[in-house]
Amino acid sequence: MQTKDKGRKWMWWFLGLVVAFQLYFVRELLAAFALFAVGFAAIAAVIMGLYMLQKTWEVGVAKLAESANPVVLFARRAVAALEDLARRPLRRPGSATVRSI
């Protein structure tokens, strides 16, 4: 009878130890999950902030382009003049090519 009680005692100790280890591992896994969730939330917040900055910049540039401000009108004329200058050929048609010496 005494060997049976000793066996039960060791069995209960072993089962208690297994349960304790399971609770420890579950707690560690939950802590790791919480850390990863916080990290991914921070990354998502940064990406969302950059996206909102880009959209705000886009709307601001569109409103500036639509405005009738004299500075904007001057910039438009300057860009149009530069584009016209860029379309012109560097050499006149029919001119001789440069000869190598």
N, C-alpha and C. Protein backbone atom coordinates (compact mmCIF):
# COMPACT_ATOMS: atom_id res chain seq x y z
N MET A 1 0.82 -1.19 0.00
CA MET A 1 0.00 0.00 0.00
C MET A 1 0.87 1.26 0.00
N GLN A 2 2.00 1.19 0.68
CA GLN A 2 2.85 2.35 0.77
C GLN A 2 3.51 2.66 -0.57
N THR A 3 3.89 1.67 -1.37
CA THR A 3 4.49 1.91 -2.68
C THR A 3 3.47 2.54 -3.61
N LYS A 4 2.21 2.13 -3.47
CA LYS A 4 1.16 2.71 -4.29
C LYS A 4 1.00 4.20 -3.97
N ASP A 5 1.04 4.57 -2.69
CA ASP A 5 0.92 5.96 -2.29
C ASP A 5 2.13 6.78 -2.76
N LYS A 6 3.33 6.20 -2.69
CA LYS A 6 4.52 6.91 -3.17
C LYS A 6 4.42 7.14 -4.68
N GLY A 7 3.94 6.17 -5.39
CA GLY A 7 3.78 6.31 -6.84
C GLY A 7 2.78 7.40 -7.18
N ARG A 8 1.69 7.45 -6.43
CA ARG A 8 0.69 8.50 -6.66
C ARG A 8 1.27 9.88 -6.35
N LYS A 9 2.03 9.91 -5.26
CA LYS A 9 2.62 11.19 -4.88
C LYS A 9 3.54 11.71 -5.99
N TRP A 10 4.38 10.86 -6.54
CA TRP A 10 5.29 11.27 -7.62
C TRP A 10 4.51 11.59 -8.89
N MET A 11 3.43 10.85 -9.14
CA MET A 11 2.60 11.12 -10.30
C MET A 11 1.98 12.52 -10.20
N TRP A 12 1.45 12.88 -9.03
CA TRP A 12 0.85 14.19 -8.85
C TRP A 12 1.89 15.30 -8.95
N TRP A 13 3.07 15.05 -8.38
CA TRP A 13 4.15 16.02 -8.52
C TRP A 13 4.51 16.22 -10.00
N PHE A 14 4.61 15.12 -10.73
CA PHE A 14 4.95 15.20 -12.15
C PHE A 14 3.85 15.94 -12.92
N LEU A 15 2.59 15.63 -12.68
CA LEU A 15 1.49 16.31 -13.37
C LEU A 15 1.44 17.80 -13.01
N GLY A 16 1.68 18.12 -11.75
CA GLY A 16 1.73 19.53 -11.35
C GLY A 16 2.86 20.27 -12.04
N LEU A 17 4.01 19.59 -12.17
CA LEU A 17 5.15 20.19 -12.86
C LEU A 17 4.84 20.41 -14.34
N VAL A 18 4.19 19.45 -14.97
CA VAL A 18 3.82 19.59 -16.39
C VAL A 18 2.85 20.75 -16.56
N VAL A 19 1.87 20.88 -15.70
CA VAL A 19 0.91 21.98 -15.78
C VAL A 19 1.61 23.31 -15.57
N ALA A 20 2.53 23.37 -14.60
CA ALA A 20 3.26 24.61 -14.34
C ALA A 20 4.09 25.01 -15.55
N PHE A 21 4.76 24.04 -16.18
CA PHE A 21 5.54 24.35 -17.37
C PHE A 21 4.63 24.81 -18.51
N GLN A 22 3.47 24.19 -18.65
CA GLN A 22 2.54 24.59 -19.70
C GLN A 22 2.08 26.02 -19.49
N LEU A 23 1.75 26.37 -18.26
CA LEU A 23 1.32 27.74 -17.97
C LEU A 23 2.45 28.73 -18.24
N TYR A 24 3.68 28.35 -17.90
CA TYR A 24 4.82 29.23 -18.15
C TYR A 24 5.01 29.46 -19.65
N PHE A 25 4.96 28.39 -20.44
CA PHE A 25 5.16 28.52 -21.88
C PHE A 25 4.04 29.31 -22.53
N VAL A 26 2.81 29.11 -22.08
CA VAL A 26 1.68 29.87 -22.62
C VAL A 26 1.85 31.35 -22.29
N ARG A 27 2.30 31.64 -21.06
CA ARG A 27 2.51 33.04 -20.68
C ARG A 27 3.62 33.67 -21.52
N GLU A 28 4.68 32.92 -21.77
CA GLU A 28 5.78 33.43 -22.60
C GLU A 28 5.33 33.64 -24.04
N LEU A 29 4.53 32.73 -24.56
CA LEU A 29 4.02 32.90 -25.93
C LEU A 29 3.10 34.11 -26.03
N LEU A 30 2.27 34.32 -25.03
CA LEU A 30 1.39 35.49 -25.05
C LEU A 30 2.19 36.78 -24.95
N ALA A 31 3.26 36.77 -24.16
CA ALA A 31 4.11 37.96 -24.06
C ALA A 31 4.80 38.24 -25.39
N ALA A 32 5.29 37.20 -26.06
CA ALA A 32 5.94 37.38 -27.36
C ALA A 32 4.92 37.90 -28.39
N PHE A 33 3.71 37.36 -28.35
CA PHE A 33 2.67 37.82 -29.27
C PHE A 33 2.35 39.29 -29.03
N ALA A 34 2.27 39.70 -27.76
CA ALA A 34 1.99 41.10 -27.45
C ALA A 34 3.11 42.00 -27.96
N LEU A 35 4.37 41.59 -27.81
CA LEU A 35 5.48 42.40 -28.31
C LEU A 35 5.43 42.53 -29.83
N PHE A 36 5.17 41.44 -30.52
CA PHE A 36 5.07 41.50 -31.98
C PHE A 36 3.88 42.36 -32.41
N ALA A 37 2.77 42.28 -31.70
CA ALA A 37 1.60 43.10 -32.05
C ALA A 37 1.92 44.57 -31.88
N VAL A 38 2.61 44.93 -30.81
CA VAL A 38 2.99 46.34 -30.60
C VAL A 38 3.96 46.78 -31.70
N GLY A 39 4.91 45.94 -32.06
CA GLY A 39 5.86 46.28 -33.12
C GLY A 39 5.18 46.49 -34.46
N PHE A 40 4.30 45.58 -34.82
CA PHE A 40 3.59 45.72 -36.10
C PHE A 40 2.66 46.93 -36.08
N ALA A 41 2.05 47.24 -34.95
CA ALA A 41 1.19 48.42 -34.86
C ALA A 41 2.03 49.69 -35.04
N ALA A 42 3.23 49.71 -34.50
CA ALA A 42 4.11 50.88 -34.67
C ALA A 42 4.51 51.04 -36.13
N ILE A 43 4.85 49.95 -36.79
CA ILE A 43 5.21 50.00 -38.21
C ILE A 43 4.02 50.47 -39.04
N ALA A 44 2.83 49.97 -38.73
CA ALA A 44 1.62 50.38 -39.46
C ALA A 44 1.34 51.87 -39.24
N ALA A 45 1.57 52.37 -38.03
CA ALA A 45 1.33 53.78 -37.75
C ALA A 45 2.30 54.66 -38.54
N VAL A 46 3.54 54.25 -38.65
CA VAL A 46 4.52 55.02 -39.43
C VAL A 46 4.14 55.04 -40.91
N ILE A 47 3.77 53.88 -41.44
CA ILE A 47 3.38 53.81 -42.85
C ILE A 47 2.12 54.65 -43.11
N MET A 48 1.15 54.58 -42.18
CA MET A 48 -0.06 55.35 -42.36
C MET A 48 0.24 56.86 -42.28
N GLY A 49 1.13 57.25 -41.40
CA GLY A 49 1.51 58.66 -41.30
C GLY A 49 2.17 59.16 -42.57
N LEU A 50 3.08 58.35 -43.14
CA LEU A 50 3.73 58.73 -44.39
C LEU A 50 2.72 58.83 -45.53
N TYR A 51 1.76 57.91 -45.55
CA TYR A 51 0.72 57.94 -46.58
C TYR A 51 -0.12 59.22 -46.46
N MET A 52 -0.48 59.58 -45.22
CA MET A 52 -1.28 60.78 -45.03
C MET A 52 -0.49 62.04 -45.40
N LEU A 53 0.81 62.06 -45.09
CA LEU A 53 1.65 63.19 -45.50
C LEU A 53 1.70 63.32 -47.02
N GLN A 54 1.82 62.20 -47.71
CA GLN A 54 1.88 62.22 -49.17
C GLN A 54 0.56 62.71 -49.75
N LYS A 55 -0.55 62.25 -49.21
CA LYS A 55 -1.86 62.69 -49.72
C LYS A 55 -2.09 64.18 -49.44
N THR A 56 -1.66 64.65 -48.28
CA THR A 56 -1.79 66.07 -47.96
C THR A 56 -0.95 66.91 -48.91
N TRP A 57 0.27 66.45 -49.17
CA TRP A 57 1.14 67.15 -50.12
C TRP A 57 0.50 67.19 -51.51
N GLU A 58 -0.08 66.07 -51.93
CA GLU A 58 -0.73 65.99 -53.24
C GLU A 58 -1.87 67.00 -53.36
N VAL A 59 -2.71 67.09 -52.34
CA VAL A 59 -3.83 68.03 -52.37
C VAL A 59 -3.32 69.47 -52.36
N GLY A 60 -2.29 69.74 -51.58
CA GLY A 60 -1.73 71.09 -51.53
C GLY A 60 -1.14 71.52 -52.85
N VAL A 61 -0.43 70.63 -53.52
CA VAL A 61 0.16 70.97 -54.82
C VAL A 61 -0.94 71.17 -55.86
N ALA A 62 -2.00 70.35 -55.80
CA ALA A 62 -3.11 70.52 -56.75
C ALA A 62 -3.80 71.86 -56.55
N LYS A 63 -4.01 72.25 -55.29
CA LYS A 63 -4.65 73.56 -55.04
C LYS A 63 -3.74 74.71 -55.46
N LEU A 64 -2.43 74.55 -55.25
CA LEU A 64 -1.49 75.58 -55.67
C LEU A 64 -1.46 75.71 -57.19
N ALA A 65 -1.54 74.59 -57.89
CA ALA A 65 -1.52 74.61 -59.36
C ALA A 65 -2.78 75.27 -59.92
N GLU A 66 -3.90 75.15 -59.21
CA GLU A 66 -5.16 75.75 -59.67
C GLU A 66 -5.26 77.24 -59.35
N SER A 67 -4.43 77.73 -58.46
CA SER A 67 -4.57 79.12 -58.01
C SER A 67 -4.13 80.09 -59.11
N ALA A 68 -4.60 81.33 -58.99
CA ALA A 68 -4.26 82.38 -59.95
C ALA A 68 -3.24 83.35 -59.35
N ASN A 69 -2.43 82.86 -58.49
CA ASN A 69 -1.39 83.67 -57.85
C ASN A 69 -0.37 84.10 -58.91
N PRO A 70 0.09 85.35 -58.91
CA PRO A 70 1.04 85.80 -59.93
C PRO A 70 2.34 85.00 -59.94
N VAL A 71 2.79 84.53 -58.79
CA VAL A 71 4.02 83.73 -58.74
C VAL A 71 3.81 82.39 -59.45
N VAL A 72 2.63 81.80 -59.24
CA VAL A 72 2.33 80.53 -59.90
C VAL A 72 2.21 80.74 -61.40
N LEU A 73 1.56 81.82 -61.81
CA LEU A 73 1.43 82.09 -63.25
C LEU A 73 2.81 82.32 -63.89
N PHE A 74 3.68 83.04 -63.19
CA PHE A 74 5.04 83.25 -63.69
C PHE A 74 5.79 81.92 -63.82
N ALA A 75 5.64 81.05 -62.83
CA ALA A 75 6.31 79.74 -62.87
C ALA A 75 5.79 78.91 -64.04
N ARG A 76 4.47 78.97 -64.29
CA ARG A 76 3.92 78.23 -65.42
C ARG A 76 4.49 78.72 -66.75
N ARG A 77 4.58 80.07 -66.90
CA ARG A 77 5.14 80.60 -68.14
C ARG A 77 6.61 80.22 -68.29
N ALA A 78 7.34 80.21 -67.19
CA ALA A 78 8.76 79.85 -67.26
C ALA A 78 8.93 78.38 -67.64
N VAL A 79 8.09 77.52 -67.10
CA VAL A 79 8.18 76.10 -67.44
C VAL A 79 7.81 75.89 -68.90
N ALA A 80 6.79 76.59 -69.37
CA ALA A 80 6.39 76.46 -70.78
C ALA A 80 7.51 76.95 -71.70
N ALA A 81 8.19 78.03 -71.31
CA ALA A 81 9.29 78.54 -72.13
C ALA A 81 10.46 77.55 -72.14
N LEU A 82 10.74 76.95 -71.01
CA LEU A 82 11.82 75.95 -70.96
C LEU A 82 11.48 74.71 -71.79
N GLU A 83 10.23 74.30 -71.74
CA GLU A 83 9.82 73.15 -72.56
C GLU A 83 9.96 73.48 -74.04
N ASP A 84 9.58 74.69 -74.43
CA ASP A 84 9.71 75.11 -75.82
C ASP A 84 11.18 75.14 -76.23
N LEU A 85 12.03 75.63 -75.35
CA LEU A 85 13.46 75.66 -75.63
C LEU A 85 14.04 74.25 -75.75
N ALA A 86 13.55 73.34 -74.95
CA ALA A 86 14.06 71.97 -74.99
C ALA A 86 13.64 71.24 -76.26
N ARG A 87 12.52 71.63 -76.86
CA ARG A 87 12.06 70.98 -78.08
C ARG A 87 12.85 71.41 -79.32
N ARG A 88 13.49 72.55 -79.25
CA ARG A 88 14.26 73.04 -80.40
C ARG A 88 15.50 72.18 -80.60
N PRO A 89 15.87 71.96 -81.85
CA PRO A 89 17.09 71.19 -82.09
C PRO A 89 18.33 72.02 -81.74
N LEU A 90 19.40 71.34 -81.38
CA LEU A 90 20.63 72.03 -81.04
C LEU A 90 21.32 72.59 -82.28
N ARG A 91 21.20 71.90 -83.41
CA ARG A 91 21.80 72.38 -84.67
C ARG A 91 20.70 72.81 -85.61
N ARG A 92 21.03 73.73 -86.47
CA ARG A 92 20.07 74.13 -87.49
C ARG A 92 19.99 73.05 -88.55
N PRO A 93 18.81 72.88 -89.13
CA PRO A 93 18.71 71.86 -90.19
C PRO A 93 19.61 72.25 -91.37
N GLY A 94 20.32 71.29 -91.92
CA GLY A 94 21.18 71.50 -93.08
C GLY A 94 22.57 71.99 -92.75
N SER A 95 22.89 72.18 -91.47
CA SER A 95 24.25 72.65 -91.14
C SER A 95 25.20 71.48 -91.21
N ALA A 96 26.46 71.80 -91.41
CA ALA A 96 27.48 70.76 -91.54
C ALA A 96 27.81 70.18 -90.17
N THR A 97 28.18 68.94 -90.17
CA THR A 97 28.57 68.29 -88.92
C THR A 97 30.01 68.66 -88.58
N VAL A 98 30.38 68.53 -87.35
CA VAL A 98 31.74 68.84 -86.90
C VAL A 98 32.65 67.74 -87.36
N ARG A 99 33.81 68.14 -87.95
CA ARG A 99 34.79 67.13 -88.41
C ARG A 99 35.81 66.88 -87.32
N SER A 100 36.24 65.66 -87.22
CA SER A 100 37.32 65.32 -86.28
C SER A 100 38.65 65.64 -86.89
N ILE A 101 39.58 66.08 -86.10
CA ILE A 101 40.91 66.39 -86.60
C ILE A 101 41.80 65.18 -86.49
